[in-house]
């Protein structure tokens, strides 16, 4: 893991951080413009910061099927 990240992450904290960021961007159109410009040229960062994975096998066994 990079930058001292811990595995598995605390999914609640990840989702909470995402919501805080999203609200912050929506409240500041200039910040939203800058963020969009950044992610336009950094697609891997967008995936790491905002996308989830889905594993249906985990759900069949009672595990967590969606993970940030």
Protein backbone atom coordinates (compact mmCIF):
# COMPACT_ATOMS: atom_id res chain seq x y z
CA UNK A 1 0.00 0.00 0.00
CA UNK A 2 1.18 3.49 -0.76
CA UNK A 3 1.45 6.51 1.53
CA UNK A 4 0.93 4.56 4.75
CA UNK A 5 -2.50 3.24 3.73
CA UNK A 6 -3.86 0.43 5.88
CA UNK A 7 -5.56 -2.66 4.48
CA UNK A 8 -8.38 -3.27 4.76
CA UNK A 9 -9.45 0.36 4.98
CA UNK A 10 -12.17 1.58 7.32
CA UNK A 11 -14.96 1.70 4.74
CA UNK A 12 -17.14 3.96 6.86
CA UNK A 13 -14.36 6.55 7.02
CA UNK A 14 -13.71 6.29 3.30
CA UNK A 15 -17.37 6.87 2.44
CA UNK A 16 -17.66 9.67 5.00
CA UNK A 17 -14.61 11.42 3.51
CA UNK A 18 -16.07 11.09 0.02
CA UNK A 19 -19.33 12.70 1.12
CA UNK A 20 -17.53 15.56 2.85
CA UNK A 21 -15.47 16.21 -0.28
CA UNK A 22 -18.51 16.09 -2.52
CA UNK A 23 -20.43 18.56 -0.33
CA UNK A 24 -17.39 20.84 -0.25
CA UNK A 25 -17.13 20.86 -4.04
CA UNK A 26 -20.83 21.49 -4.51
CA UNK A 27 -20.62 24.47 -2.16
CA UNK A 28 -17.72 26.02 -4.10
CA UNK A 29 -18.08 26.03 -7.91
CA UNK A 30 -14.49 27.21 -8.38
CA UNK A 31 -13.18 24.30 -6.33
CA UNK A 32 -15.36 21.92 -8.34
CA UNK A 33 -13.91 23.32 -11.57
CA UNK A 34 -10.35 22.77 -10.29
CA UNK A 35 -11.13 19.23 -9.13
CA UNK A 36 -12.65 18.34 -12.50
CA UNK A 37 -9.59 19.73 -14.27
CA UNK A 38 -7.30 17.67 -12.00
CA UNK A 39 -9.17 14.40 -12.48
CA UNK A 40 -9.37 14.99 -16.24
CA UNK A 41 -5.60 14.54 -16.38
CA UNK A 42 -5.29 12.06 -13.48
CA UNK A 43 -7.78 9.25 -14.21
CA UNK A 44 -6.02 6.72 -11.97
CA UNK A 45 -6.42 9.07 -9.01
CA UNK A 46 -10.11 9.43 -9.84
CA UNK A 47 -10.52 5.65 -9.80
CA UNK A 48 -8.60 5.28 -6.53
CA UNK A 49 -10.47 8.13 -4.83
CA UNK A 50 -14.03 7.61 -6.10
CA UNK A 51 -14.69 4.14 -7.51
CA UNK A 52 -15.81 0.98 -5.75
CA UNK A 53 -15.25 -2.64 -6.63
CA UNK A 54 -18.02 -5.20 -6.56
CA UNK A 55 -17.49 -8.88 -5.85
CA UNK A 56 -20.75 -10.87 -5.93
CA UNK A 57 -18.97 -13.91 -4.47
CA UNK A 58 -18.47 -12.07 -1.19
CA UNK A 59 -22.22 -11.44 -0.89
CA UNK A 60 -22.93 -15.15 -1.36
CA UNK A 61 -20.76 -15.89 1.66
CA UNK A 62 -22.07 -13.10 3.86
CA UNK A 63 -19.14 -10.78 3.21
CA UNK A 64 -18.94 -7.23 1.99
CA UNK A 65 -19.55 -7.15 -1.77
CA UNK A 66 -18.85 -3.43 -2.40
CA UNK A 67 -15.49 -2.00 -1.41
CA UNK A 68 -13.97 1.43 -1.99
